[in-house]
Amino acid sequence: MITILACFMITGCDKDEAMEGKVYITFINSSPDIRIAIYSTCNEKVPIYDEVLKDGEVFEYILNAGTYFVEPYSRTFLYNKTGFQILQNKTTHIQYDSSVGKVKQ
């Protein structure tokens, strides 16, 4: 009995799952100087991530489960801010076609 209990205790913690998911952002007809800024809805002034994308590059980032928004910007094109949710072990896809971001889980 003690052996069985010890076995359950040892293997019970092996599968701790992270409370993370991914965001995957693509652009159709994008400008060559796109910057991606991702913000938590808890702090809309300081981005979690802010970087220039290379022309045609796909953006992929791991985030904790929660609610965020992405704000792409460029000197030559105006993009809308788009809100999205990250769910545990899921990938959220955002596709920008012109200035509008479309979210799919």
C-alpha atoms as a PDB file:
ATOM      1  CA  MET A   1       0.000   0.000   0.000  1.00  0.00           C
ATOM      2  CA  ILE A   2       2.814   2.421   0.878  1.00  0.00           C
ATOM      3  CA  THR A   3       4.566   1.558  -2.386  1.00  0.00           C
ATOM      4  CA  ILE A   4       1.454   2.420  -4.422  1.00  0.00           C
ATOM      5  CA  LEU A   5       0.986   5.700  -2.527  1.00  0.00           C
ATOM      6  CA  ALA A   6       4.658   6.614  -3.090  1.00  0.00           C
ATOM      7  CA  CYS A   7       4.283   5.883  -6.803  1.00  0.00           C
ATOM      8  CA  PHE A   8       1.302   8.254  -7.093  1.00  0.00           C
ATOM      9  CA  MET A   9       3.150  10.980  -5.191  1.00  0.00           C
ATOM     10  CA  ILE A  10       6.215  10.741  -7.419  1.00  0.00           C
ATOM     11  CA  THR A  11       4.343  10.748 -10.737  1.00  0.00           C
ATOM     12  CA  GLY A  12       1.610  13.169  -9.707  1.00  0.00           C
ATOM     13  CA  CYS A  13       3.744  16.275 -10.230  1.00  0.00           C
ATOM     14  CA  ASP A  14       5.365  15.278 -13.509  1.00  0.00           C
ATOM     15  CA  LYS A  15       2.741  16.890 -15.694  1.00  0.00           C
ATOM     16  CA  ASP A  16       2.559  20.431 -14.334  1.00  0.00           C
ATOM     17  CA  GLU A  17       1.130  22.358 -17.244  1.00  0.00           C
ATOM     18  CA  ALA A  18       2.195  25.918 -17.876  1.00  0.00           C
ATOM     19  CA  MET A  19      -0.536  28.525 -18.027  1.00  0.00           C
ATOM     20  CA  GLU A  20       0.710  29.681 -21.428  1.00  0.00           C
ATOM     21  CA  GLY A  21      -0.477  29.927 -24.983  1.00  0.00           C
ATOM     22  CA  LYS A  22       0.808  31.418 -28.241  1.00  0.00           C
ATOM     23  CA  VAL A  23      -0.141  34.330 -30.430  1.00  0.00           C
ATOM     24  CA  TYR A  24       0.575  34.037 -34.147  1.00  0.00           C
ATOM     25  CA  ILE A  25       0.253  37.245 -36.204  1.00  0.00           C
ATOM     26  CA  THR A  26       0.408  37.520 -39.983  1.00  0.00           C
ATOM     27  CA  PHE A  27       0.027  40.441 -42.378  1.00  0.00           C
ATOM     28  CA  ILE A  28      -1.386  40.518 -45.892  1.00  0.00           C
ATOM     29  CA  ASN A  29      -0.142  43.455 -47.984  1.00  0.00           C
ATOM     30  CA  SER A  30       1.984  44.791 -45.147  1.00  0.00           C
ATOM     31  CA  SER A  31       4.254  47.805 -45.157  1.00  0.00           C
ATOM     32  CA  PRO A  32       8.008  47.140 -44.859  1.00  0.00           C
ATOM     33  CA  ASP A  33       8.440  49.019 -41.555  1.00  0.00           C
ATOM     34  CA  ILE A  34       5.903  47.359 -39.234  1.00  0.00           C
ATOM     35  CA  ARG A  35       6.498  47.421 -35.496  1.00  0.00           C
ATOM     36  CA  ILE A  36       4.493  45.094 -33.264  1.00  0.00           C
ATOM     37  CA  ALA A  37       3.673  46.170 -29.733  1.00  0.00           C
ATOM     38  CA  ILE A  38       1.796  43.804 -27.397  1.00  0.00           C
ATOM     39  CA  TYR A  39       0.227  45.144 -24.217  1.00  0.00           C
ATOM     40  CA  SER A  40      -1.538  43.532 -21.302  1.00  0.00           C
ATOM     41  CA  THR A  41      -4.945  45.018 -20.576  1.00  0.00           C
ATOM     42  CA  CYS A  42      -3.626  45.574 -17.035  1.00  0.00           C
ATOM     43  CA  ASN A  43      -0.939  47.990 -18.273  1.00  0.00           C
ATOM     44  CA  GLU A  44      -1.657  49.741 -21.554  1.00  0.00           C
ATOM     45  CA  LYS A  45       1.316  52.115 -21.293  1.00  0.00           C
ATOM     46  CA  VAL A  46       4.272  49.727 -21.198  1.00  0.00           C
ATOM     47  CA  PRO A  47       4.428  47.061 -23.918  1.00  0.00           C
ATOM     48  CA  ILE A  48       5.316  43.488 -23.068  1.00  0.00           C
ATOM     49  CA  TYR A  49       6.861  43.167 -26.513  1.00  0.00           C
ATOM     50  CA  ASP A  50       7.865  45.844 -29.030  1.00  0.00           C
ATOM     51  CA  GLU A  51       9.909  44.982 -32.088  1.00  0.00           C
ATOM     52  CA  VAL A  52      10.281  45.669 -35.807  1.00  0.00           C
ATOM     53  CA  LEU A  53       9.189  42.865 -38.130  1.00  0.00           C
ATOM     54  CA  LYS A  54      11.131  42.128 -41.266  1.00  0.00           C
ATOM     55  CA  ASP A  55       9.145  42.389 -44.469  1.00  0.00           C
ATOM     56  CA  GLY A  56       6.854  39.366 -44.765  1.00  0.00           C
ATOM     57  CA  GLU A  57       7.918  37.981 -41.383  1.00  0.00           C
ATOM     58  CA  VAL A  58       5.399  36.109 -39.243  1.00  0.00           C
ATOM     59  CA  PHE A  59       5.186  37.028 -35.575  1.00  0.00           C
ATOM     60  CA  GLU A  60       4.912  34.258 -32.962  1.00  0.00           C
ATOM     61  CA  TYR A  61       5.182  34.798 -29.214  1.00  0.00           C
ATOM     62  CA  ILE A  62       4.401  32.809 -26.042  1.00  0.00           C
ATOM     63  CA  LEU A  63       2.283  34.631 -23.451  1.00  0.00           C
ATOM     64  CA  ASN A  64       0.677  33.744 -20.148  1.00  0.00           C
ATOM     65  CA  ALA A  65      -3.043  33.052 -20.303  1.00  0.00           C
ATOM     66  CA  GLY A  66      -4.926  36.356 -20.223  1.00  0.00           C
ATOM     67  CA  THR A  67      -6.272  39.268 -22.232  1.00  0.00           C
ATOM     68  CA  TYR A  68      -3.988  41.398 -24.382  1.00  0.00           C
ATOM     69  CA  PHE A  69      -4.029  43.717 -27.350  1.00  0.00           C
ATOM     70  CA  VAL A  70      -1.664  44.144 -30.250  1.00  0.00           C
ATOM     71  CA  GLU A  71      -0.926  47.501 -31.817  1.00  0.00           C
ATOM     72  CA  PRO A  72       0.990  47.305 -35.080  1.00  0.00           C
ATOM     73  CA  TYR A  73       2.280  50.618 -36.337  1.00  0.00           C
ATOM     74  CA  SER A  74       4.168  51.949 -39.276  1.00  0.00           C
ATOM     75  CA  ARG A  75       5.267  55.309 -40.676  1.00  0.00           C
ATOM     76  CA  THR A  76       3.454  54.585 -43.930  1.00  0.00           C
ATOM     77  CA  PHE A  77       0.277  52.770 -42.880  1.00  0.00           C
ATOM     78  CA  LEU A  78      -2.291  52.981 -40.069  1.00  0.00           C
ATOM     79  CA  TYR A  79      -3.239  49.705 -38.335  1.00  0.00           C
ATOM     80  CA  ASN A  80      -6.050  49.238 -35.829  1.00  0.00           C
ATOM     81  CA  LYS A  81      -5.438  48.027 -32.291  1.00  0.00           C
ATOM     82  CA  THR A  82      -6.792  44.476 -31.859  1.00  0.00           C
ATOM     83  CA  GLY A  83      -7.706  42.748 -28.588  1.00  0.00           C
ATOM     84  CA  PHE A  84      -7.209  39.017 -28.115  1.00  0.00           C
ATOM     85  CA  GLN A  85      -7.200  36.309 -25.478  1.00  0.00           C
ATOM     86  CA  ILE A  86      -4.538  33.726 -24.768  1.00  0.00           C
ATOM     87  CA  LEU A  87      -5.893  30.391 -23.575  1.00  0.00           C
ATOM     88  CA  GLN A  88      -3.821  27.659 -21.948  1.00  0.00           C
ATOM     89  CA  ASN A  89      -2.092  25.417 -24.502  1.00  0.00           C
ATOM     90  CA  LYS A  90      -3.885  27.136 -27.422  1.00  0.00           C
ATOM     91  CA  THR A  91      -2.678  29.319 -30.283  1.00  0.00           C
ATOM     92  CA  THR A  92      -4.500  32.529 -31.103  1.00  0.00           C
ATOM     93  CA  HIS A  93      -4.190  33.579 -34.756  1.00  0.00           C
ATOM     94  CA  ILE A  94      -4.463  37.218 -35.787  1.00  0.00           C
ATOM     95  CA  GLN A  95      -4.410  38.128 -39.442  1.00  0.00           C
ATOM     96  CA  TYR A  96      -4.185  41.734 -40.601  1.00  0.00           C
ATOM     97  CA  ASP A  97      -5.685  42.365 -44.020  1.00  0.00           C
ATOM     98  CA  SER A  98      -5.179  46.077 -44.633  1.00  0.00           C
ATOM     99  CA  SER A  99      -5.683  47.807 -41.264  1.00  0.00           C
ATOM    100  CA  VAL A 100      -8.095  45.377 -39.545  1.00  0.00           C
ATOM    101  CA  GLY A 101      -6.924  42.460 -37.412  1.00  0.00           C
ATOM    102  CA  LYS A 102      -9.117  39.325 -37.451  1.00  0.00           C
ATOM    103  CA  VAL A 103      -8.798  36.984 -34.461  1.00  0.00           C
ATOM    104  CA  LYS A 104      -9.274  33.195 -34.608  1.00  0.00           C
ATOM    105  CA  GLN A 105      -8.778  30.720 -31.773  1.00  0.00           C
END
